[in-house]
PDB file of all heavy atoms in Angstrom:
ATOM      1  N   GLN A   1      89.091-121.405 102.687  1.00  0.00           N
ATOM      2  CA  GLN A   1      90.354-121.074 102.044  1.00  0.00           C
ATOM      3  C   GLN A   1      90.391-119.586 101.672  1.00  0.00           C
ATOM      4  O   GLN A   1      89.362-118.908 101.658  1.00  0.00           O
ATOM      5  CB  GLN A   1      90.561-121.920 100.771  1.00  0.00           C
ATOM      6  CG  GLN A   1      90.864-123.385 101.026  1.00  0.00           C
ATOM      7  CD  GLN A   1      89.637-124.174 101.423  1.00  0.00           C
ATOM      8  OE1 GLN A   1      88.575-124.005 100.849  1.00  0.00           O
ATOM      9  NE2 GLN A   1      89.769-125.027 102.426  1.00  0.00           N
ATOM     10  N   ARG A   2      91.588-119.116 101.387  1.00  0.00           N
ATOM     11  CA  ARG A   2      91.763-117.786 100.813  1.00  0.00           C
ATOM     12  C   ARG A   2      92.282-117.968  99.390  1.00  0.00           C
ATOM     13  O   ARG A   2      93.322-118.611  99.184  1.00  0.00           O
ATOM     14  CB  ARG A   2      92.732-116.944 101.633  1.00  0.00           C
ATOM     15  CG  ARG A   2      93.052-115.583 100.999  1.00  0.00           C
ATOM     16  CD  ARG A   2      93.685-114.664 102.022  1.00  0.00           C
ATOM     17  NE  ARG A   2      92.721-114.354 103.083  1.00  0.00           N
ATOM     18  CZ  ARG A   2      93.064-113.962 104.308  1.00  0.00           C
ATOM     19  NH1 ARG A   2      94.346-113.858 104.633  1.00  0.00           N
ATOM     20  NH2 ARG A   2      92.138-113.696 105.204  1.00  0.00           N
ATOM     21  N   THR A   3      91.562-117.433  98.436  1.00  0.00           N
ATOM     22  CA  THR A   3      91.952-117.547  97.039  1.00  0.00           C
ATOM     23  C   THR A   3      92.462-116.199  96.553  1.00  0.00           C
ATOM     24  O   THR A   3      91.784-115.180  96.696  1.00  0.00           O
ATOM     25  CB  THR A   3      90.775-118.015  96.168  1.00  0.00           C
ATOM     26  OG1 THR A   3      90.329-119.290  96.631  1.00  0.00           O
ATOM     27  CG2 THR A   3      91.195-118.131  94.711  1.00  0.00           C
ATOM     28  N   VAL A   4      93.665-116.227  95.984  1.00  0.00           N
ATOM     29  CA  VAL A   4      94.306-115.019  95.471  1.00  0.00           C
ATOM     30  C   VAL A   4      94.185-115.038  93.950  1.00  0.00           C
ATOM     31  O   VAL A   4      94.467-116.055  93.307  1.00  0.00           O
ATOM     32  CB  VAL A   4      95.792-114.961  95.890  1.00  0.00           C
ATOM     33  CG1 VAL A   4      96.417-113.641  95.449  1.00  0.00           C
ATOM     34  CG2 VAL A   4      95.927-115.139  97.407  1.00  0.00           C
ATOM     35  N   TYR A   5      93.784-113.898  93.378  1.00  0.00           N
ATOM     36  CA  TYR A   5      93.533-113.800  91.938  1.00  0.00           C
ATOM     37  C   TYR A   5      94.620-112.953  91.287  1.00  0.00           C
ATOM     38  O   TYR A   5      94.844-111.799  91.689  1.00  0.00           O
ATOM     39  CB  TYR A   5      92.152-113.204  91.681  1.00  0.00           C
ATOM     40  CG  TYR A   5      91.053-114.019  92.320  1.00  0.00           C
ATOM     41  CD1 TYR A   5      90.690-113.798  93.653  1.00  0.00           C
ATOM     42  CD2 TYR A   5      90.407-115.025  91.613  1.00  0.00           C
ATOM     43  CE1 TYR A   5      89.713-114.566  94.257  1.00  0.00           C
ATOM     44  CE2 TYR A   5      89.420-115.790  92.211  1.00  0.00           C
ATOM     45  CZ  TYR A   5      89.076-115.556  93.533  1.00  0.00           C
ATOM     46  OH  TYR A   5      88.106-116.324  94.135  1.00  0.00           O
ATOM     47  N   VAL A   6      95.296-113.539  90.297  1.00  0.00           N
ATOM     48  CA  VAL A   6      96.459-112.906  89.669  1.00  0.00           C
ATOM     49  C   VAL A   6      96.176-112.692  88.185  1.00  0.00           C
ATOM     50  O   VAL A   6      95.717-113.609  87.480  1.00  0.00           O
ATOM     51  CB  VAL A   6      97.720-113.776  89.848  1.00  0.00           C
ATOM     52  CG1 VAL A   6      98.931-113.079  89.249  1.00  0.00           C
ATOM     53  CG2 VAL A   6      97.953-114.094  91.322  1.00  0.00           C
ATOM     54  N   ASP A   7      96.469-111.479  87.707  1.00  0.00           N
ATOM     55  CA  ASP A   7      96.375-111.193  86.280  1.00  0.00           C
ATOM     56  C   ASP A   7      97.490-111.958  85.568  1.00  0.00           C
ATOM     57  O   ASP A   7      98.675-111.728  85.819  1.00  0.00           O
ATOM     58  CB  ASP A   7      96.538-109.691  86.040  1.00  0.00           C
ATOM     59  CG  ASP A   7      96.231-109.297  84.597  1.00  0.00           C
ATOM     60  OD1 ASP A   7      96.640-110.038  83.679  1.00  0.00           O
ATOM     61  OD2 ASP A   7      95.601-108.254  84.397  1.00  0.00           O
ATOM     62  N   PRO A   8      97.147-112.906  84.688  1.00  0.00           N
ATOM     63  CA  PRO A   8      98.188-113.738  84.074  1.00  0.00           C
ATOM     64  C   PRO A   8      99.103-112.994  83.118  1.00  0.00           C
ATOM     65  O   PRO A   8     100.177-113.499  82.765  1.00  0.00           O
ATOM     66  CB  PRO A   8      97.380-114.812  83.333  1.00  0.00           C
ATOM     67  CG  PRO A   8      96.054-114.183  83.055  1.00  0.00           C
ATOM     68  CD  PRO A   8      95.797-113.268  84.214  1.00  0.00           C
ATOM     69  N   TYR A   9      98.730-111.808  82.689  1.00  0.00           N
ATOM     70  CA  TYR A   9      99.545-111.069  81.712  1.00  0.00           C
ATOM     71  C   TYR A   9     100.506-110.087  82.380  1.00  0.00           C
ATOM     72  O   TYR A   9     101.541-109.754  81.803  1.00  0.00           O
ATOM     73  CB  TYR A   9      98.635-110.325  80.733  1.00  0.00           C
ATOM     74  CG  TYR A   9      97.699-111.248  79.995  1.00  0.00           C
ATOM     75  CD1 TYR A   9      96.384-111.405  80.414  1.00  0.00           C
ATOM     76  CD2 TYR A   9      98.142-111.994  78.905  1.00  0.00           C
ATOM     77  CE1 TYR A   9      95.525-112.272  79.755  1.00  0.00           C
ATOM     78  CE2 TYR A   9      97.282-112.868  78.239  1.00  0.00           C
ATOM     79  CZ  TYR A   9      95.979-113.001  78.671  1.00  0.00           C
ATOM     80  OH  TYR A   9      95.129-113.868  78.014  1.00  0.00           O
ATOM     81  N   THR A  10     100.150-109.623  83.579  1.00  0.00           N
ATOM     82  CA  THR A  10     101.003-108.639  84.259  1.00  0.00           C
ATOM     83  C   THR A  10     101.564-109.148  85.575  1.00  0.00           C
ATOM     84  O   THR A  10     102.493-108.557  86.122  1.00  0.00           O
ATOM     85  CB  THR A  10     100.201-107.358  84.537  1.00  0.00           C
ATOM     86  OG1 THR A  10      99.121-107.659  85.449  1.00  0.00           O
ATOM     87  CG2 THR A  10      99.629-106.784  83.253  1.00  0.00           C
ATOM     88  N   GLY A  11     101.001-110.241  86.108  1.00  0.00           N
ATOM     89  CA  GLY A  11     101.430-110.725  87.417  1.00  0.00           C
ATOM     90  C   GLY A  11     100.881-109.900  88.569  1.00  0.00           C
ATOM     91  O   GLY A  11     101.258-110.107  89.728  1.00  0.00           O
ATOM     92  N   LYS A  12      99.971-108.992  88.276  1.00  0.00           N
ATOM     93  CA  LYS A  12      99.388-108.142  89.317  1.00  0.00           C
ATOM     94  C   LYS A  12      98.332-108.914  90.096  1.00  0.00           C
ATOM     95  O   LYS A  12      97.487-109.592  89.509  1.00  0.00           O
ATOM     96  CB  LYS A  12      98.768-106.900  88.680  1.00  0.00           C
ATOM     97  CG  LYS A  12      98.094-105.962  89.670  1.00  0.00           C
ATOM     98  CD  LYS A  12      97.451-104.786  88.941  1.00  0.00           C
ATOM     99  CE  LYS A  12      96.699-103.873  89.902  1.00  0.00           C
ATOM    100  NZ  LYS A  12      96.055-102.735  89.194  1.00  0.00           N
ATOM    101  N   VAL A  13      98.383-108.808  91.427  1.00  0.00           N
ATOM    102  CA  VAL A  13      97.374-109.426  92.274  1.00  0.00           C
ATOM    103  C   VAL A  13      96.150-108.515  92.293  1.00  0.00           C
ATOM    104  O   VAL A  13      96.202-107.376  92.768  1.00  0.00           O
ATOM    105  CB  VAL A  13      97.910-109.658  93.697  1.00  0.00           C
ATOM    106  CG1 VAL A  13      96.789-110.176  94.605  1.00  0.00           C
ATOM    107  CG2 VAL A  13      99.063-110.657  93.669  1.00  0.00           C
ATOM    108  N   LEU A  14      95.025-109.022  91.772  1.00  0.00           N
ATOM    109  CA  LEU A  14      93.819-108.217  91.661  1.00  0.00           C
ATOM    110  C   LEU A  14      92.970-108.245  92.921  1.00  0.00           C
ATOM    111  O   LEU A  14      92.059-107.420  93.081  1.00  0.00           O
ATOM    112  CB  LEU A  14      92.975-108.694  90.471  1.00  0.00           C
ATOM    113  CG  LEU A  14      93.665-108.634  89.102  1.00  0.00           C
ATOM    114  CD1 LEU A  14      92.714-109.118  88.013  1.00  0.00           C
ATOM    115  CD2 LEU A  14      94.153-107.221  88.803  1.00  0.00           C
ATOM    116  N   GLY A  15      93.249-109.163  93.806  1.00  0.00           N
ATOM    117  CA  GLY A  15      92.478-109.238  95.048  1.00  0.00           C
ATOM    118  C   GLY A  15      92.469-110.648  95.589  1.00  0.00           C
ATOM    119  O   GLY A  15      93.061-111.571  95.010  1.00  0.00           O
ATOM    120  N   ALA A  16      91.802-110.827  96.727  1.00  0.00           N
ATOM    121  CA  ALA A  16      91.682-112.130  97.368  1.00  0.00           C
ATOM    122  C   ALA A  16      90.281-112.248  97.956  1.00  0.00           C
ATOM    123  O   ALA A  16      89.664-111.254  98.340  1.00  0.00           O
ATOM    124  CB  ALA A  16      92.741-112.307  98.441  1.00  0.00           C
ATOM    125  N   ARG A  17      89.781-113.473  98.009  1.00  0.00           N
ATOM    126  CA  ARG A  17      88.452-113.728  98.564  1.00  0.00           C
ATOM    127  C   ARG A  17      88.512-114.964  99.471  1.00  0.00           C
ATOM    128  O   ARG A  17      89.315-115.854  99.265  1.00  0.00           O
ATOM    129  CB  ARG A  17      87.426-113.979  97.450  1.00  0.00           C
ATOM    130  CG  ARG A  17      87.226-112.807  96.486  1.00  0.00           C
ATOM    131  CD  ARG A  17      86.452-111.690  97.138  1.00  0.00           C
ATOM    132  NE  ARG A  17      86.107-110.644  96.173  1.00  0.00           N
ATOM    133  CZ  ARG A  17      86.883-109.606  95.870  1.00  0.00           C
ATOM    134  NH1 ARG A  17      88.078-109.479  96.473  1.00  0.00           N
ATOM    135  NH2 ARG A  17      86.500-108.704  94.987  1.00  0.00           N
ATOM    136  N   THR A  18      87.635-114.980 100.459  1.00  0.00           N
ATOM    137  CA  THR A  18      87.468-116.175 101.286  1.00  0.00           C
ATOM    138  C   THR A  18      86.546-117.127 100.546  1.00  0.00           C
ATOM    139  O   THR A  18      85.409-116.769 100.207  1.00  0.00           O
ATOM    140  CB  THR A  18      86.871-115.812 102.654  1.00  0.00           C
ATOM    141  OG1 THR A  18      87.765-114.927 103.340  1.00  0.00           O
ATOM    142  CG2 THR A  18      86.657-117.065 103.502  1.00  0.00           C
ATOM    143  N   THR A  19      87.023-118.320 100.275  1.00  0.00           N
ATOM    144  CA  THR A  19      86.294-119.266  99.428  1.00  0.00           C
ATOM    145  C   THR A  19      86.186-120.627 100.101  1.00  0.00           C
ATOM    146  O   THR A  19      86.854-120.911 101.094  1.00  0.00           O
ATOM    147  CB  THR A  19      87.000-119.443  98.075  1.00  0.00           C
ATOM    148  OG1 THR A  19      88.318-119.973  98.299  1.00  0.00           O
ATOM    149  CG2 THR A  19      87.119-118.110  97.341  1.00  0.00           C
ATOM    150  N   GLU A  20      85.335-121.456  99.528  1.00  0.00           N
ATOM    151  CA  GLU A  20      85.259-122.869  99.895  1.00  0.00           C
ATOM    152  C   GLU A  20      85.785-123.644  98.694  1.00  0.00           C
ATOM    153  O   GLU A  20      85.099-123.834  97.713  1.00  0.00           O
ATOM    154  CB  GLU A  20      83.829-123.281 100.221  1.00  0.00           C
ATOM    155  CG  GLU A  20      83.707-124.725 100.684  1.00  0.00           C
ATOM    156  CD  GLU A  20      82.284-125.086 101.064  1.00  0.00           C
ATOM    157  OE1 GLU A  20      81.356-124.314 100.750  1.00  0.00           O
ATOM    158  OE2 GLU A  20      82.099-126.151 101.669  1.00  0.00           O
ATOM    159  N   GLY A  21      87.059-124.071  98.787  1.00  0.00           N
ATOM    160  CA  GLY A  21      87.713-124.606  97.606  1.00  0.00           C
ATOM    161  C   GLY A  21      87.933-123.478  96.620  1.00  0.00           C
ATOM    162  O   GLY A  21      88.540-122.467  96.942  1.00  0.00           O
ATOM    163  N   THR A  22      87.408-123.661  95.408  1.00  0.00           N
ATOM    164  CA  THR A  22      87.504-122.600  94.403  1.00  0.00           C
ATOM    165  C   THR A  22      86.183-121.869  94.204  1.00  0.00           C
ATOM    166  O   THR A  22      86.073-121.019  93.328  1.00  0.00           O
ATOM    167  CB  THR A  22      87.955-123.194  93.058  1.00  0.00           C
ATOM    168  OG1 THR A  22      87.037-124.232  92.667  1.00  0.00           O
ATOM    169  CG2 THR A  22      89.353-123.794  93.159  1.00  0.00           C
ATOM    170  N   SER A  23      85.163-122.214  95.002  1.00  0.00           N
ATOM    171  CA  SER A  23      83.863-121.561  94.878  1.00  0.00           C
ATOM    172  C   SER A  23      83.939-120.141  95.413  1.00  0.00           C
ATOM    173  O   SER A  23      84.454-119.905  96.513  1.00  0.00           O
ATOM    174  CB  SER A  23      82.787-122.344  95.649  1.00  0.00           C
ATOM    175  OG  SER A  23      82.606-123.624  95.084  1.00  0.00           O
ATOM    176  N   MET A  24      83.390-119.191  94.660  1.00  0.00           N
ATOM    177  CA  MET A  24      83.400-117.801  95.058  1.00  0.00           C
ATOM    178  C   MET A  24      82.471-117.579  96.251  1.00  0.00           C
ATOM    179  O   MET A  24      81.579-118.391  96.515  1.00  0.00           O
ATOM    180  CB  MET A  24      82.973-116.924  93.892  1.00  0.00           C
ATOM    181  CG  MET A  24      83.887-117.010  92.679  1.00  0.00           C
ATOM    182  SD  MET A  24      85.550-116.431  93.041  1.00  0.00           S
ATOM    183  CE  MET A  24      85.264-114.679  93.316  1.00  0.00           C
ATOM    184  N   PRO A  25      82.665-116.478  96.997  1.00  0.00           N
ATOM    185  CA  PRO A  25      81.840-116.231  98.183  1.00  0.00           C
ATOM    186  C   PRO A  25      80.336-116.263  97.917  1.00  0.00           C
ATOM    187  O   PRO A  25      79.575-116.780  98.740  1.00  0.00           O
ATOM    188  CB  PRO A  25      82.297-114.844  98.639  1.00  0.00           C
ATOM    189  CG  PRO A  25      83.711-114.752  98.183  1.00  0.00           C
ATOM    190  CD  PRO A  25      83.758-115.490  96.883  1.00  0.00           C
ATOM    191  N   VAL A  26      79.882-115.717  96.775  1.00  0.00           N
ATOM    192  CA  VAL A  26      78.445-115.704  96.520  1.00  0.00           C
ATOM    193  C   VAL A  26      77.923-117.123  96.338  1.00  0.00           C
ATOM    194  O   VAL A  26      76.831-117.476  96.839  1.00  0.00           O
ATOM    195  CB  VAL A  26      78.117-114.828  95.286  1.00  0.00           C
ATOM    196  CG1 VAL A  26      78.729-115.400  94.008  1.00  0.00           C
ATOM    197  CG2 VAL A  26      76.607-114.674  95.131  1.00  0.00           C
ATOM    198  N   THR A  27      78.702-117.990  95.667  1.00  0.00           N
ATOM    199  CA  THR A  27      78.292-119.380  95.494  1.00  0.00           C
ATOM    200  C   THR A  27      78.338-120.120  96.824  1.00  0.00           C
ATOM    201  O   THR A  27      77.437-120.918  97.140  1.00  0.00           O
ATOM    202  CB  THR A  27      79.208-120.080  94.473  1.00  0.00           C
ATOM    203  OG1 THR A  27      79.089-119.413  93.215  1.00  0.00           O
ATOM    204  CG2 THR A  27      78.817-121.534  94.299  1.00  0.00           C
ATOM    205  N   THR A  28      79.386-119.885  97.610  1.00  0.00           N
ATOM    206  CA  THR A  28      79.489-120.525  98.928  1.00  0.00           C
ATOM    207  C   THR A  28      78.322-120.129  99.813  1.00  0.00           C
ATOM    208  O   THR A  28      77.721-120.967 100.494  1.00  0.00           O
ATOM    209  CB  THR A  28      80.820-120.135  99.597  1.00  0.00           C
ATOM    210  OG1 THR A  28      81.901-120.539  98.757  1.00  0.00           O
ATOM    211  CG2 THR A  28      80.960-120.797 100.954  1.00  0.00           C
ATOM    212  N   TRP A  29      77.965-118.833  99.802  1.00  0.00           N
ATOM    213  CA  TRP A  29      76.885-118.352 100.655  1.00  0.00           C
ATOM    214  C   TRP A  29      75.541-118.941 100.227  1.00  0.00           C
ATOM    215  O   TRP A  29      74.754-119.404 101.055  1.00  0.00           O
ATOM    216  CB  TRP A  29      76.834-116.825 100.600  1.00  0.00           C
ATOM    217  CG  TRP A  29      75.947-116.233 101.666  1.00  0.00           C
ATOM    218  CD1 TRP A  29      76.286-115.878 102.931  1.00  0.00           C
ATOM    219  CD2 TRP A  29      74.542-115.927 101.516  1.00  0.00           C
ATOM    220  NE1 TRP A  29      75.194-115.380 103.594  1.00  0.00           N
ATOM    221  CE2 TRP A  29      74.107-115.384 102.753  1.00  0.00           C
ATOM    222  CE3 TRP A  29      73.634-116.051 100.474  1.00  0.00           C
ATOM    223  CZ2 TRP A  29      72.794-114.984 102.970  1.00  0.00           C
ATOM    224  CZ3 TRP A  29      72.310-115.650 100.688  1.00  0.00           C
ATOM    225  CH2 TRP A  29      71.907-115.121 101.916  1.00  0.00           C
ATOM    226  N   LEU A  30      75.280-118.935  98.913  1.00  0.00           N
ATOM    227  CA  LEU A  30      74.023-119.491  98.418  1.00  0.00           C
ATOM    228  C   LEU A  30      73.970-121.007  98.625  1.00  0.00           C
ATOM    229  O   LEU A  30      72.904-121.561  98.931  1.00  0.00           O
ATOM    230  CB  LEU A  30      73.851-119.166  96.935  1.00  0.00           C
ATOM    231  CG  LEU A  30      73.559-117.698  96.596  1.00  0.00           C
ATOM    232  CD1 LEU A  30      73.547-117.502  95.088  1.00  0.00           C
ATOM    233  CD2 LEU A  30      72.233-117.260  97.201  1.00  0.00           C
ATOM    234  N   GLY A  31      75.115-121.678  98.470  1.00  0.00           N
ATOM    235  CA  GLY A  31      75.150-123.113  98.698  1.00  0.00           C
ATOM    236  C   GLY A  31      74.844-123.465 100.144  1.00  0.00           C
ATOM    237  O   GLY A  31      74.094-124.407 100.426  1.00  0.00           O
ATOM    238  N   GLU A  32      75.408-122.699 101.080  1.00  0.00           N
ATOM    239  CA  GLU A  32      75.139-122.942 102.498  1.00  0.00           C
ATOM    240  C   GLU A  32      73.695-122.582 102.833  1.00  0.00           C
ATOM    241  O   GLU A  32      73.070-123.235 103.679  1.00  0.00           O
ATOM    242  CB  GLU A  32      76.110-122.126 103.357  1.00  0.00           C
ATOM    243  CG  GLU A  32      76.079-122.474 104.835  1.00  0.00           C
ATOM    244  CD  GLU A  32      76.473-123.917 105.108  1.00  0.00           C
ATOM    245  OE1 GLU A  32      77.277-124.479 104.332  1.00  0.00           O
ATOM    246  OE2 GLU A  32      75.971-124.473 106.109  1.00  0.00           O
ATOM    247  N   LEU A  33      73.149-121.562 102.187  1.00  0.00           N
ATOM    248  CA  LEU A  33      71.743-121.216 102.393  1.00  0.00           C
ATOM    249  C   LEU A  33      70.842-122.362 101.951  1.00  0.00           C
ATOM    250  O   LEU A  33      69.885-122.722 102.659  1.00  0.00           O
ATOM    251  CB  LEU A  33      71.409-119.948 101.603  1.00  0.00           C
ATOM    252  CG  LEU A  33      69.959-119.446 101.712  1.00  0.00           C
ATOM    253  CD1 LEU A  33      69.671-118.924 103.110  1.00  0.00           C
ATOM    254  CD2 LEU A  33      69.685-118.368 100.660  1.00  0.00           C
ATOM    255  N   HIS A  34      71.126-122.947 100.801  1.00  0.00           N
ATOM    256  CA  HIS A  34      70.323-124.062 100.298  1.00  0.00           C
ATOM    257  C   HIS A  34      70.518-125.307 101.158  1.00  0.00           C
ATOM    258  O   HIS A  34      69.571-126.067 101.391  1.00  0.00           O
ATOM    259  CB  HIS A  34      70.729-124.358  98.852  1.00  0.00           C
ATOM    260  CG  HIS A  34      69.966-125.493  98.237  1.00  0.00           C
ATOM    261  ND1 HIS A  34      68.592-125.483  98.063  1.00  0.00           N
ATOM    262  CD2 HIS A  34      70.386-126.693  97.740  1.00  0.00           C
ATOM    263  CE1 HIS A  34      68.204-126.612  97.501  1.00  0.00           C
ATOM    264  NE2 HIS A  34      69.270-127.364  97.290  1.00  0.00           N
ATOM    265  N   ARG A  35      71.736-125.493 101.640  1.00  0.00           N
ATOM    266  CA  ARG A  35      72.078-126.722 102.369  1.00  0.00           C
ATOM    267  C   ARG A  35      71.607-126.689 103.821  1.00  0.00           C
ATOM    268  O   ARG A  35      71.169-127.712 104.349  1.00  0.00           O
ATOM    269  CB  ARG A  35      73.589-126.920 102.300  1.00  0.00           C
ATOM    270  CG  ARG A  35      74.095-128.215 102.868  1.00  0.00           C
ATOM    271  CD  ARG A  35      75.503-128.498 102.402  1.00  0.00           C
ATOM    272  NE  ARG A  35      76.389-127.363 102.599  1.00  0.00           N
ATOM    273  CZ  ARG A  35      76.997-126.708 101.632  1.00  0.00           C
ATOM    274  NH1 ARG A  35      76.780-127.071 100.370  1.00  0.00           N
ATOM    275  NH2 ARG A  35      77.806-125.696 101.876  1.00  0.00           N
ATOM    276  N   SER A  36      71.675-125.534 104.478  1.00  0.00           N
ATOM    277  CA  SER A  36      71.381-125.522 105.921  1.00  0.00           C
ATOM    278  C   SER A  36      70.777-124.219 106.422  1.00  0.00           C
ATOM    279  O   SER A  36      70.633-124.058 107.638  1.00  0.00           O
ATOM    280  CB  SER A  36      72.666-125.799 106.702  1.00  0.00           C
ATOM    281  OG  SER A  36      73.577-124.712 106.559  1.00  0.00           O
ATOM    282  N   LEU A  37      70.447-123.290 105.529  1.00  0.00           N
ATOM    283  CA  LEU A  37      69.922-121.985 105.945  1.00  0.00           C
ATOM    284  C   LEU A  37      70.894-121.253 106.874  1.00  0.00           C
ATOM    285  O   LEU A  37      70.486-120.431 107.695  1.00  0.00           O
ATOM    286  CB  LEU A  37      68.561-122.135 106.639  1.00  0.00           C
ATOM    287  CG  LEU A  37      67.445-122.772 105.817  1.00  0.00           C
ATOM    288  CD1 LEU A  37      66.180-122.896 106.643  1.00  0.00           C
ATOM    289  CD2 LEU A  37      67.172-121.969 104.549  1.00  0.00           C
TER     290      LEU A  37
END
């Protein structure tokens, strides 16, 4: 998935990341490393 991050006070889009569900890229990468190298 692509997750878009929005500042709730200004409505500004702070960036986007490629994710697995809501898991951040570092968690997705480490999870896949643990699961299947």
